[in-house]
C-alpha atoms as a PDB file:
ATOM      1  CA  MET A   1      -4.751 -17.379  22.303  1.00  0.00           C
ATOM      2  CA  ILE A   2      -1.889 -15.490  23.915  1.00  0.00           C
ATOM      3  CA  LEU A   3      -0.755 -14.361  20.462  1.00  0.00           C
ATOM      4  CA  LEU A   4      -4.210 -12.947  19.687  1.00  0.00           C
ATOM      5  CA  ILE A   5      -4.413 -11.095  22.995  1.00  0.00           C
ATOM      6  CA  GLY A   6      -0.886  -9.810  22.438  1.00  0.00           C
ATOM      7  CA  GLU A   7      -1.893  -8.565  18.997  1.00  0.00           C
ATOM      8  CA  VAL A   8      -4.905  -6.700  20.406  1.00  0.00           C
ATOM      9  CA  VAL A   9      -2.781  -5.117  23.118  1.00  0.00           C
ATOM     10  CA  LEU A  10      -0.023  -4.206  20.642  1.00  0.00           C
ATOM     11  CA  VAL A  11      -2.399  -2.632  18.099  1.00  0.00           C
ATOM     12  CA  SER A  12      -4.309  -0.724  20.798  1.00  0.00           C
ATOM     13  CA  PHE A  13      -1.111   0.508  22.436  1.00  0.00           C
ATOM     14  CA  SER A  14       0.318   1.548  19.046  1.00  0.00           C
ATOM     15  CA  ALA A  15      -2.827   3.560  18.279  1.00  0.00           C
ATOM     16  CA  PHE A  16      -2.567   5.127  21.734  1.00  0.00           C
ATOM     17  CA  LEU A  17       1.044   6.143  21.094  1.00  0.00           C
ATOM     18  CA  ILE A  18       0.172   7.656  17.700  1.00  0.00           C
ATOM     19  CA  VAL A  19      -2.602   9.804  19.213  1.00  0.00           C
ATOM     20  CA  PHE A  20      -0.309  10.757  22.102  1.00  0.00           C
ATOM     21  CA  GLN A  21       2.475  11.761  19.669  1.00  0.00           C
ATOM     22  CA  LEU A  22       0.073  13.860  17.575  1.00  0.00           C
ATOM     23  CA  SER A  23      -1.193  15.586  20.720  1.00  0.00           C
ATOM     24  CA  ILE A  24       2.330  16.450  21.886  1.00  0.00           C
ATOM     25  CA  GLU A  25       3.369  17.703  18.446  1.00  0.00           C
ATOM     26  CA  THR A  26       0.259  19.876  18.141  1.00  0.00           C
ATOM     27  CA  ILE A  27       0.873  21.406  21.546  1.00  0.00           C
ATOM     28  CA  GLY A  28       4.490  22.043  20.524  1.00  0.00           C
ATOM     29  CA  LEU A  29       3.451  23.727  17.276  1.00  0.00           C
ATOM     30  CA  ILE A  30       0.995  25.956  19.113  1.00  0.00           C
ATOM     31  CA  GLY A  31       3.731  26.905  21.581  1.00  0.00           C
ATOM     32  CA  TYR A  32       6.214  27.624  18.801  1.00  0.00           C
ATOM     33  CA  PHE A  33       4.022  29.507  16.349  1.00  0.00           C
ATOM     34  CA  GLY A  34       1.643  31.104  18.808  1.00  0.00           C
ATOM     35  CA  SER A  35      -2.093  30.867  19.051  1.00  0.00           C
ATOM     36  CA  SER A  36      -3.076  31.086  15.404  1.00  0.00           C
ATOM     37  CA  ALA A  37      -6.619  30.109  14.509  1.00  0.00           C
ATOM     38  CA  LEU A  38      -5.454  27.179  12.364  1.00  0.00           C
ATOM     39  CA  PHE A  39      -3.499  25.568  15.192  1.00  0.00           C
ATOM     40  CA  GLN A  40      -6.336  26.154  17.635  1.00  0.00           C
ATOM     41  CA  GLN A  41      -8.706  24.259  15.317  1.00  0.00           C
ATOM     42  CA  ILE A  42      -6.184  21.432  14.936  1.00  0.00           C
ATOM     43  CA  HIS A  43      -5.729  21.416  18.705  1.00  0.00           C
ATOM     44  CA  SER A  44      -9.459  21.005  19.300  1.00  0.00           C
ATOM     45  CA  MET A  45      -9.621  18.106  16.793  1.00  0.00           C
ATOM     46  CA  VAL A  46      -6.453  16.197  17.732  1.00  0.00           C
ATOM     47  CA  VAL A  47      -5.494  16.802  21.347  1.00  0.00           C
ATOM     48  CA  ILE A  48      -7.242  14.516  23.816  1.00  0.00           C
ATOM     49  CA  GLU A  49      -6.819  14.675  27.564  1.00  0.00           C
ATOM     50  CA  ALA A  50      -4.822  11.860  29.164  1.00  0.00           C
ATOM     51  CA  GLY A  51      -7.663  10.485  31.327  1.00  0.00           C
ATOM     52  CA  PRO A  52     -10.128   9.727  28.521  1.00  0.00           C
ATOM     53  CA  MET A  53      -7.293   8.423  26.342  1.00  0.00           C
ATOM     54  CA  PHE A  54      -6.171   5.876  28.973  1.00  0.00           C
ATOM     55  CA  THR A  55      -9.786   4.922  29.724  1.00  0.00           C
ATOM     56  CA  THR A  56     -10.444   4.265  26.041  1.00  0.00           C
ATOM     57  CA  LEU A  57      -7.274   2.151  25.765  1.00  0.00           C
ATOM     58  CA  VAL A  58      -8.332  -0.004  28.722  1.00  0.00           C
ATOM     59  CA  TYR A  59     -11.909  -0.384  27.425  1.00  0.00           C
ATOM     60  CA  ILE A  60     -10.727  -1.424  23.975  1.00  0.00           C
ATOM     61  CA  VAL A  61      -8.364  -4.070  25.313  1.00  0.00           C
ATOM     62  CA  ILE A  62     -10.842  -5.424  27.867  1.00  0.00           C
ATOM     63  CA  LEU A  63     -13.779  -5.537  25.439  1.00  0.00           C
ATOM     64  CA  GLN A  64     -11.732  -7.355  22.782  1.00  0.00           C
ATOM     65  CA  ILE A  65     -10.976 -10.325  25.040  1.00  0.00           C
ATOM     66  CA  PRO A  66     -14.551 -11.803  25.146  1.00  0.00           C
ATOM     67  CA  GLY A  67     -14.660 -11.657  21.344  1.00  0.00           C
ATOM     68  CA  LEU A  68     -11.340 -13.480  21.153  1.00  0.00           C
ATOM     69  CA  LEU A  69     -12.554 -16.127  23.589  1.00  0.00           C
ATOM     70  CA  LEU A  70     -15.735 -16.635  21.553  1.00  0.00           C
ATOM     71  CA  ALA A  71     -13.738 -16.937  18.319  1.00  0.00           C
ATOM     72  CA  GLN A  72     -11.403 -19.475  19.928  1.00  0.00           C
ATOM     73  CA  ALA A  73     -14.329 -21.513  21.271  1.00  0.00           C
ATOM     74  CA  ARG A  74     -15.922 -21.645  17.803  1.00  0.00           C
ATOM     75  CA  ALA A  75     -12.635 -22.564  16.166  1.00  0.00           C
ATOM     76  CA  MET A  76     -12.026 -25.367  18.667  1.00  0.00           C
ATOM     77  CA  LYS A  77     -15.374 -27.031  17.783  1.00  0.00           C
ATOM     78  CA  ILE A  78     -14.136 -27.933  14.288  1.00  0.00           C
ATOM     79  CA  PRO A  79     -11.829 -30.984  14.196  1.00  0.00           C
ATOM     80  CA  PRO A  80      -8.420 -30.159  12.650  1.00  0.00           C
ATOM     81  CA  MET A  81      -8.708 -32.753   9.853  1.00  0.00           C
ATOM     82  CA  GLN A  82     -12.112 -31.421   8.814  1.00  0.00           C
ATOM     83  CA  ALA A  83     -10.799 -27.850   8.757  1.00  0.00           C
ATOM     84  CA  LEU A  84      -7.911 -28.872   6.459  1.00  0.00           C
ATOM     85  CA  ARG A  85     -10.024 -30.972   4.083  1.00  0.00           C
ATOM     86  CA  GLU A  86     -10.906 -29.443   0.724  1.00  0.00           C
ATOM     87  CA  GLU A  87     -14.538 -29.519  -0.252  1.00  0.00           C
END
């Protein structure tokens, strides 16, 4: 169970870091090249404020845990020998 929760946290945190990196790079490109219309459109599509980004990360991790608990409870109902038997 700890491995599954760790996987959810790792995947969610990795997605968070990718969006954060894209936001920083877009802001850097706008600062370097100026306020061209193309970069302003990219900025409006990619850059997300920090508050909503952290809130989304927390919601995703917290809402995944009940699903993991339900999946574990269902998996624990099947005896191991029956799960390994071919039918």
